[in-house]
């Protein structure tokens, strides 16, 4: 892809737990799609996060950059990954699958998963991290008021 070719069009940008590729057909299955993560405490570690992107209207080998940032971009990215997709023709659909392990999110709130080509933002999707109480948390004793 040269500097004057247009960037590809993003058909989908999906977060999931796992991406399975069938060895015989090459078809991909996205397992456990999500946009929210619940954590008991922060900073929170997320064991595995996969990102799937489907694109078309691209030309030849195209480098893509994916990063996860807080919504204000006040801190460095949580992660940044690169991948290359190869478009046989502009009408072809090219898939990009990235897998990240052990990501640490410093605080609850909104994060963004962003996909870039040649420095231009192509698409972003939201990832919300929410603090929740652990399961089976003991109930607070009833108040000491008398009746």
Protein backbone atom coordinates (compact mmCIF):
# COMPACT_ATOMS: atom_id res chain seq x y z
CA UNK A 1 0.00 0.00 0.00
CA UNK A 2 1.43 3.38 -0.99
CA UNK A 3 0.87 6.68 0.74
CA UNK A 4 -1.73 7.77 -1.83
CA UNK A 5 -3.91 4.65 -1.69
CA UNK A 6 -7.01 5.03 0.47
CA UNK A 7 -7.16 3.16 3.77
CA UNK A 8 -9.26 0.00 3.95
CA UNK A 9 -12.86 -0.01 5.13
CA UNK A 10 -13.51 -1.75 8.47
CA UNK A 11 -16.51 -4.06 8.27
CA UNK A 12 -16.28 -5.25 11.87
CA UNK A 13 -14.19 -4.80 15.01
CA UNK A 14 -15.12 -7.35 17.66
CA UNK A 15 -13.75 -8.23 21.11
CA UNK A 16 -13.97 -11.82 22.31
CA UNK A 17 -12.42 -14.40 24.61
CA UNK A 18 -11.09 -16.68 21.89
CA UNK A 19 -10.77 -17.01 18.11
CA UNK A 20 -10.71 -20.53 16.72
CA UNK A 21 -9.54 -21.11 13.14
CA UNK A 22 -10.66 -24.32 11.44
CA UNK A 23 -7.59 -25.99 9.90
CA UNK A 24 -9.52 -27.46 6.98
CA UNK A 25 -11.58 -24.47 5.87
CA UNK A 26 -9.77 -21.50 7.40
CA UNK A 27 -13.09 -20.28 8.80
CA UNK A 28 -12.88 -18.44 12.09
CA UNK A 29 -15.22 -18.74 15.07
CA UNK A 30 -15.41 -15.98 17.65
CA UNK A 31 -16.06 -17.35 21.14
CA UNK A 32 -17.42 -15.20 23.99
CA UNK A 33 -17.95 -11.81 22.36
CA UNK A 34 -18.14 -8.95 24.86
CA UNK A 35 -17.86 -5.20 25.43
CA UNK A 36 -17.95 -5.17 29.25
CA UNK A 37 -15.48 -6.55 31.80
CA UNK A 38 -16.34 -6.84 35.49
CA UNK A 39 -13.55 -6.80 38.09
CA UNK A 40 -13.52 -7.06 41.88
CA UNK A 41 -10.58 -4.71 42.29
CA UNK A 42 -8.36 -2.35 40.34
CA UNK A 43 -5.89 -2.39 38.82
CA UNK A 44 -7.57 -5.34 37.12
CA UNK A 45 -5.84 -8.02 35.09
CA UNK A 46 -7.71 -9.59 32.18
CA UNK A 47 -6.30 -13.01 31.31
CA UNK A 48 -7.03 -13.04 27.55
CA UNK A 49 -8.58 -10.60 25.12
CA UNK A 50 -8.88 -11.28 21.40
CA UNK A 51 -9.68 -8.75 18.72
CA UNK A 52 -11.11 -9.66 15.32
CA UNK A 53 -11.33 -7.17 12.46
CA UNK A 54 -12.75 -7.77 8.97
CA UNK A 55 -11.78 -5.26 6.29
CA UNK A 56 -12.18 -4.68 2.58
CA UNK A 57 -11.41 -1.98 0.00
CA UNK A 58 -7.71 -2.46 0.69
CA UNK A 59 -4.76 -2.62 -1.69
CA UNK A 60 -2.02 -5.23 -1.31
CA UNK A 61 -0.16 -5.66 1.97
CA UNK A 62 -1.51 -3.26 4.55
CA UNK A 63 -0.07 -2.73 8.03
CA UNK A 64 -2.59 -2.16 10.79
CA UNK A 65 -2.05 -0.99 14.35
CA UNK A 66 -4.46 -1.83 17.13
CA UNK A 67 -4.29 -0.21 20.54
CA UNK A 68 -6.35 -0.09 23.71
CA UNK A 69 -6.47 3.27 25.49
CA UNK A 70 -8.47 4.92 28.25
CA UNK A 71 -11.26 7.09 26.84
CA UNK A 72 -9.41 10.33 27.62
CA UNK A 73 -6.07 8.97 26.34
CA UNK A 74 -4.57 10.39 29.53
CA UNK A 75 -2.16 7.45 29.95
CA UNK A 76 -0.01 5.42 27.59
CA UNK A 77 -1.90 2.65 25.76
CA UNK A 78 -2.75 -0.50 27.74
CA UNK A 79 -1.41 -2.41 24.74
CA UNK A 80 -0.47 -1.81 21.14
CA UNK A 81 -0.21 -4.54 18.52
CA UNK A 82 0.60 -4.61 14.82
CA UNK A 83 -0.57 -6.91 12.08
CA UNK A 84 -0.45 -7.12 8.32
CA UNK A 85 -3.37 -8.05 6.10
CA UNK A 86 -3.02 -8.79 2.40
CA UNK A 87 -5.77 -7.81 0.01
CA UNK A 88 -5.72 -9.87 -3.20
CA UNK A 89 -8.21 -7.42 -4.70
CA UNK A 90 -9.97 -4.40 -3.18
CA UNK A 91 -13.21 -6.42 -3.07
CA UNK A 92 -11.58 -9.18 -1.03
CA UNK A 93 -12.30 -9.35 2.68
CA UNK A 94 -9.19 -9.62 4.85
CA UNK A 95 -9.33 -10.68 8.48
CA UNK A 96 -7.03 -9.64 11.29
CA UNK A 97 -6.95 -11.63 14.53
CA UNK A 98 -4.91 -10.47 17.51
CA UNK A 99 -4.64 -12.08 20.93
CA UNK A 100 -3.43 -10.33 24.11
CA UNK A 101 -2.65 -11.97 27.44
CA UNK A 102 -2.50 -10.47 30.94
CA UNK A 103 -3.64 -6.94 30.16
CA UNK A 104 -3.82 -4.66 33.21
CA UNK A 105 -6.45 -1.93 33.41
CA UNK A 106 -5.58 0.69 36.06
CA UNK A 107 -9.10 1.81 36.93
CA UNK A 108 -12.75 1.26 36.08
CA UNK A 109 -14.25 3.24 33.25
CA UNK A 110 -14.48 3.41 29.49
CA UNK A 111 -11.63 2.28 27.29
CA UNK A 112 -11.38 2.29 23.51
CA UNK A 113 -10.06 -0.33 21.16
CA UNK A 114 -8.74 1.56 18.15
CA UNK A 115 -7.67 0.33 14.72
CA UNK A 116 -5.28 2.46 12.63
CA UNK A 117 -3.77 2.33 9.16
CA UNK A 118 -1.02 4.74 8.10
CA UNK A 119 -1.62 6.71 11.30
CA UNK A 120 -5.31 7.27 10.52
CA UNK A 121 -7.99 6.00 12.89
CA UNK A 122 -10.17 3.59 10.92
CA UNK A 123 -12.58 2.42 13.63
CA UNK A 124 -12.90 2.19 17.39
CA UNK A 125 -15.12 0.25 19.74
CA UNK A 126 -15.80 0.76 23.43
CA UNK A 127 -14.69 -1.52 26.23
CA UNK A 128 -16.26 -0.78 29.62
CA UNK A 129 -14.58 -1.92 32.84
CA UNK A 130 -16.84 -2.01 35.88
CA UNK A 131 -16.03 -2.64 39.53
CA UNK A 132 -18.34 -5.24 41.05
CA UNK A 133 -18.61 -6.94 44.44
CA UNK A 134 -17.13 -10.44 44.62
CA UNK A 135 -19.68 -13.26 44.62
CA UNK A 136 -20.80 -14.62 48.00
CA UNK A 137 -19.78 -11.45 49.75
CA UNK A 138 -21.18 -11.59 53.32
CA UNK A 139 -24.18 -9.37 53.85
CA UNK A 140 -23.78 -6.44 56.20
CA UNK A 141 -25.44 -7.13 59.56
CA UNK A 142 -28.86 -5.55 60.02
CA UNK A 143 -28.83 -2.12 61.57
CA UNK A 144 -28.98 -1.92 65.35
CA UNK A 145 -32.20 0.04 65.47
CA UNK A 146 -34.91 -1.30 67.76
CA UNK A 147 -38.56 -1.47 67.00
